[in-house]
Amino acid sequence: MPAGTSTASSDEPGSKAIGLPAYSSISLLLPPNVPSQGFEATATSELSDEVNLAPGIIIRPSVLDSVGVVMSSWACQSGRWNTNNCVSGRGSTFTHPLTVNVYAVDNSTGTPKPGALLATRTQTARLQYRPSADATHCAGANAGKWYDLLSRSCNNGIAQTVTFDFPGSAKLPRQVIWTVAYNTTHFGANPIGQTSPCYTSGPGCPYDAL
């Protein structure tokens, strides 16, 4: 399942929007990487999670303010994560459009599924390339991975949070299904195709390693 945070505020007349978290599965201290599902590798177009929103601490939240999604990037500027020769410049990034959708829950069949679309937001996210392979700290079964000094761990991808701000007009029920969607070379609502210059490059297209 994807990890995310939703913040919401009251729509009661005279109330002050305080943006209390209505739901969160993101750790306060984000780890260097998280379990993930590669859209290109698994033929995925949209990944979802059904959640029950909290009623809030002071006021019951009912209007969507923002959604945060943790993405894991396995992309390299040169080389690849699975050929043990990944090289990326410090702080290097790429951009790619991501979409978050929030749906009502349709329980009419007994199996929850997306119902009415309550809100959608597409934005071009700036995403990090994963750091270079560290042959000193990550060898043997960990060969090709990058090393995180703080956690002393070897990792294939790097975790990062992308925040989507909403205009504050979508009223939320207590139960919603939220999804993240984006296009890759062969999958998504509008697959990018193999004509992109990055497809035939050494590291491949970074969005295919997202």
Protein backbone atom coordinates (compact mmCIF):
# COMPACT_ATOMS: atom_id res chain seq x y z
CA MET A 1 0.00 0.00 0.00
CA PRO A 2 1.19 3.56 -0.53
CA ALA A 3 2.06 5.69 2.47
CA GLY A 4 0.37 9.04 2.73
CA THR A 5 -0.89 11.90 4.82
CA SER A 6 -4.14 13.83 4.38
CA THR A 7 -4.82 17.12 6.12
CA ALA A 8 -8.27 18.65 6.37
CA SER A 9 -10.00 21.58 7.99
CA SER A 10 -13.51 22.41 9.13
CA ASP A 11 -16.05 23.99 6.82
CA GLU A 12 -18.21 25.25 9.68
CA PRO A 13 -19.04 28.99 9.42
CA GLY A 14 -16.59 31.08 11.43
CA SER A 15 -14.20 28.20 12.05
CA LYS A 16 -10.51 28.63 11.41
CA ALA A 17 -8.82 26.14 9.06
CA ILE A 18 -6.14 24.51 11.18
CA GLY A 19 -5.11 21.68 8.84
CA LEU A 20 -5.16 18.83 11.35
CA PRO A 21 -3.97 15.49 9.96
CA ALA A 22 -7.05 13.42 9.23
CA TYR A 23 -4.96 10.37 8.33
CA SER A 24 -1.26 9.53 8.20
CA SER A 25 0.84 6.41 7.65
CA ILE A 26 4.11 8.32 7.14
CA SER A 27 6.75 8.04 9.86
CA LEU A 28 7.76 11.27 11.57
CA LEU A 29 11.35 10.40 10.66
CA LEU A 30 11.26 9.23 7.05
CA PRO A 31 13.54 6.19 6.56
CA PRO A 32 16.10 6.17 3.73
CA ASN A 33 13.78 3.93 1.71
CA VAL A 34 10.39 2.22 2.02
CA PRO A 35 8.73 -0.89 0.51
CA SER A 36 7.31 0.18 -2.84
CA GLN A 37 5.69 -0.93 -6.07
CA GLY A 38 7.29 0.07 -9.37
CA PHE A 39 4.59 0.94 -11.90
CA GLU A 40 6.63 -0.01 -14.99
CA ALA A 41 7.91 -3.25 -13.43
CA THR A 42 4.48 -4.43 -12.25
CA ALA A 43 2.25 -3.07 -15.05
CA THR A 44 0.54 -0.68 -12.63
CA SER A 45 -1.31 2.49 -13.61
CA GLU A 46 -2.86 3.59 -10.33
CA LEU A 47 -2.23 2.43 -6.75
CA SER A 48 -4.79 2.95 -4.01
CA ASP A 49 -5.44 2.82 -0.29
CA GLU A 50 -8.78 2.89 1.52
CA VAL A 51 -8.70 4.85 4.76
CA ASN A 52 -11.00 5.99 7.55
CA LEU A 53 -10.36 9.64 8.41
CA ALA A 54 -9.99 10.73 12.02
CA PRO A 55 -12.55 13.19 13.40
CA GLY A 56 -9.77 15.58 14.42
CA ILE A 57 -8.60 16.88 17.76
CA ILE A 58 -10.41 20.20 18.01
CA ILE A 59 -12.86 20.27 15.14
CA ARG A 60 -14.08 17.63 12.77
CA PRO A 61 -12.14 17.96 9.51
CA SER A 62 -14.26 17.93 6.39
CA VAL A 63 -12.47 19.89 3.67
CA LEU A 64 -9.37 18.51 1.94
CA ASP A 65 -6.28 20.71 2.26
CA SER A 66 -3.41 18.50 1.12
CA VAL A 67 -2.18 14.97 0.51
CA GLY A 68 1.40 13.81 1.02
CA VAL A 69 2.69 10.72 -0.79
CA VAL A 70 5.98 8.92 -0.20
CA MET A 71 7.69 7.96 -3.45
CA SER A 72 10.72 5.69 -3.80
CA SER A 73 13.15 6.54 -6.60
CA TRP A 74 15.51 3.86 -7.89
CA ALA A 75 16.60 6.01 -10.85
CA CYS A 76 20.29 6.71 -11.58
CA GLN A 77 21.85 9.47 -13.64
CA SER A 78 24.16 6.89 -15.20
CA GLY A 79 24.26 3.13 -14.80
CA ARG A 80 21.38 1.27 -13.20
CA TRP A 81 20.44 0.02 -9.77
CA ASN A 82 20.29 -3.61 -10.96
CA THR A 83 23.66 -3.62 -12.74
CA ASN A 84 25.58 -2.45 -9.66
CA ASN A 85 26.96 0.64 -11.43
CA CYS A 86 24.59 3.41 -10.37
CA VAL A 87 26.14 6.90 -10.33
CA SER A 88 24.23 10.08 -9.44
CA GLY A 89 25.44 13.56 -8.60
CA ARG A 90 24.78 14.78 -5.07
CA GLY A 91 21.33 16.37 -4.94
CA SER A 92 20.53 15.56 -8.58
CA THR A 93 16.84 15.47 -9.52
CA PHE A 94 14.41 14.84 -12.35
CA THR A 95 10.79 15.91 -12.83
CA HIS A 96 7.70 13.88 -13.63
CA PRO A 97 3.93 14.53 -13.47
CA LEU A 98 2.13 12.70 -10.66
CA THR A 99 -1.60 12.63 -9.97
CA VAL A 100 -3.43 12.11 -6.68
CA ASN A 101 -7.13 11.22 -6.79
CA VAL A 102 -9.51 11.06 -3.83
CA TYR A 103 -12.69 9.01 -4.25
CA ALA A 104 -15.75 8.24 -2.18
CA VAL A 105 -16.02 4.55 -1.30
CA ASP A 106 -18.58 2.41 -3.13
CA ASN A 107 -19.56 -0.50 -0.85
CA SER A 108 -22.58 -1.59 -2.92
CA THR A 109 -21.07 -4.94 -3.91
CA GLY A 110 -19.62 -5.76 -0.50
CA THR A 111 -16.10 -5.14 -1.78
CA PRO A 112 -14.95 -1.53 -1.40
CA LYS A 113 -14.11 0.18 -4.69
CA PRO A 114 -13.69 3.76 -5.90
CA GLY A 115 -16.95 5.65 -6.15
CA ALA A 116 -17.45 9.30 -7.05
CA LEU A 117 -14.30 11.33 -7.67
CA LEU A 118 -14.12 13.93 -4.90
CA ALA A 119 -10.84 15.63 -5.81
CA THR A 120 -7.92 15.30 -8.19
CA ARG A 121 -4.59 17.08 -8.47
CA THR A 122 -1.79 16.67 -11.00
CA GLN A 123 1.55 18.36 -10.48
CA THR A 124 5.04 18.04 -11.85
CA ALA A 125 7.07 16.69 -8.97
CA ARG A 126 10.80 17.18 -8.53
CA LEU A 127 12.22 13.81 -7.52
CA GLN A 128 15.67 12.75 -6.41
CA TYR A 129 17.87 10.32 -8.24
CA ARG A 130 19.02 7.66 -5.79
CA PRO A 131 22.62 8.13 -4.56
CA SER A 132 25.54 6.33 -6.19
CA ALA A 133 26.43 2.74 -5.39
CA ASP A 134 28.76 2.43 -2.39
CA ALA A 135 31.16 -0.47 -2.91
CA THR A 136 32.86 0.18 0.43
CA HIS A 137 29.82 -0.23 2.68
CA CYS A 138 27.53 -2.23 0.41
CA ALA A 139 29.10 -5.41 -0.94
CA GLY A 140 28.13 -9.04 -1.42
CA ALA A 141 24.34 -9.38 -1.33
CA ASN A 142 24.12 -5.58 -1.01
CA ALA A 143 26.33 -4.82 -4.00
CA GLY A 144 25.13 -1.88 -6.06
CA LYS A 145 23.13 -0.26 -3.25
CA TRP A 146 23.71 3.18 -1.76
CA TYR A 147 24.67 3.61 1.88
CA ASP A 148 22.78 5.71 4.42
CA LEU A 149 25.14 6.78 7.18
CA LEU A 150 22.43 7.67 9.73
CA SER A 151 20.69 4.28 9.62
CA ARG A 152 23.82 2.37 8.57
CA SER A 153 21.79 0.62 5.90
CA CYS A 154 22.22 -0.24 2.21
CA ASN A 155 19.28 0.70 -0.02
CA ASN A 156 18.19 0.37 -3.64
CA GLY A 157 15.87 3.39 -3.68
CA ILE A 158 15.55 6.68 -1.84
CA ALA A 159 12.30 7.72 -0.14
CA GLN A 160 10.89 11.23 -0.46
CA THR A 161 7.57 12.90 0.25
CA VAL A 162 5.63 14.77 -2.44
CA THR A 163 2.90 17.10 -1.15
CA PHE A 164 -0.17 17.93 -3.23
CA ASP A 165 -2.06 21.06 -2.18
CA PHE A 166 -5.80 21.16 -2.86
CA PRO A 167 -7.95 24.30 -3.16
CA GLY A 168 -10.04 23.45 -0.10
CA SER A 169 -13.33 22.86 -1.89
CA ALA A 170 -13.63 19.07 -1.61
CA LYS A 171 -15.75 17.94 1.34
CA LEU A 172 -14.68 14.55 2.61
CA PRO A 173 -16.74 11.72 4.09
CA ARG A 174 -15.22 9.69 6.91
CA GLN A 175 -14.14 6.93 4.49
CA VAL A 176 -12.24 7.57 1.26
CA ILE A 177 -10.04 5.82 -1.29
CA TRP A 178 -7.04 7.85 -2.39
CA THR A 179 -4.76 6.90 -5.24
CA VAL A 180 -1.51 7.93 -6.86
CA ALA A 181 -1.16 7.59 -10.63
CA TYR A 182 1.47 8.43 -13.24
CA ASN A 183 2.60 7.36 -16.69
CA THR A 184 5.61 5.20 -17.51
CA THR A 185 6.95 3.93 -20.81
CA HIS A 186 4.33 1.18 -21.17
CA PHE A 187 1.73 1.84 -18.47
CA GLY A 188 -0.50 4.55 -17.03
CA ALA A 189 -3.53 6.36 -18.41
CA ASN A 190 -1.38 7.63 -21.29
CA PRO A 191 1.79 5.54 -21.66
CA ILE A 192 4.76 7.64 -22.76
CA GLY A 193 5.98 5.02 -25.24
CA GLN A 194 9.43 4.02 -26.43
CA THR A 195 10.06 7.15 -28.51
CA SER A 196 11.34 9.18 -25.55
CA PRO A 197 15.14 9.73 -25.87
CA CYS A 198 15.72 8.38 -22.36
CA TYR A 199 14.33 4.96 -23.32
CA THR A 200 17.44 4.02 -25.30
CA SER A 201 19.92 5.71 -22.95
CA GLY A 202 22.17 3.83 -20.56
CA PRO A 203 20.23 4.50 -17.35
CA GLY A 204 16.83 4.37 -19.06
CA CYS A 205 13.92 6.67 -18.20
CA PRO A 206 13.90 7.71 -14.54
CA TYR A 207 10.13 7.41 -14.26
CA ASP A 208 10.43 3.70 -15.07
CA ALA A 209 12.49 3.31 -11.87
CA LEU A 210 10.00 5.22 -9.71
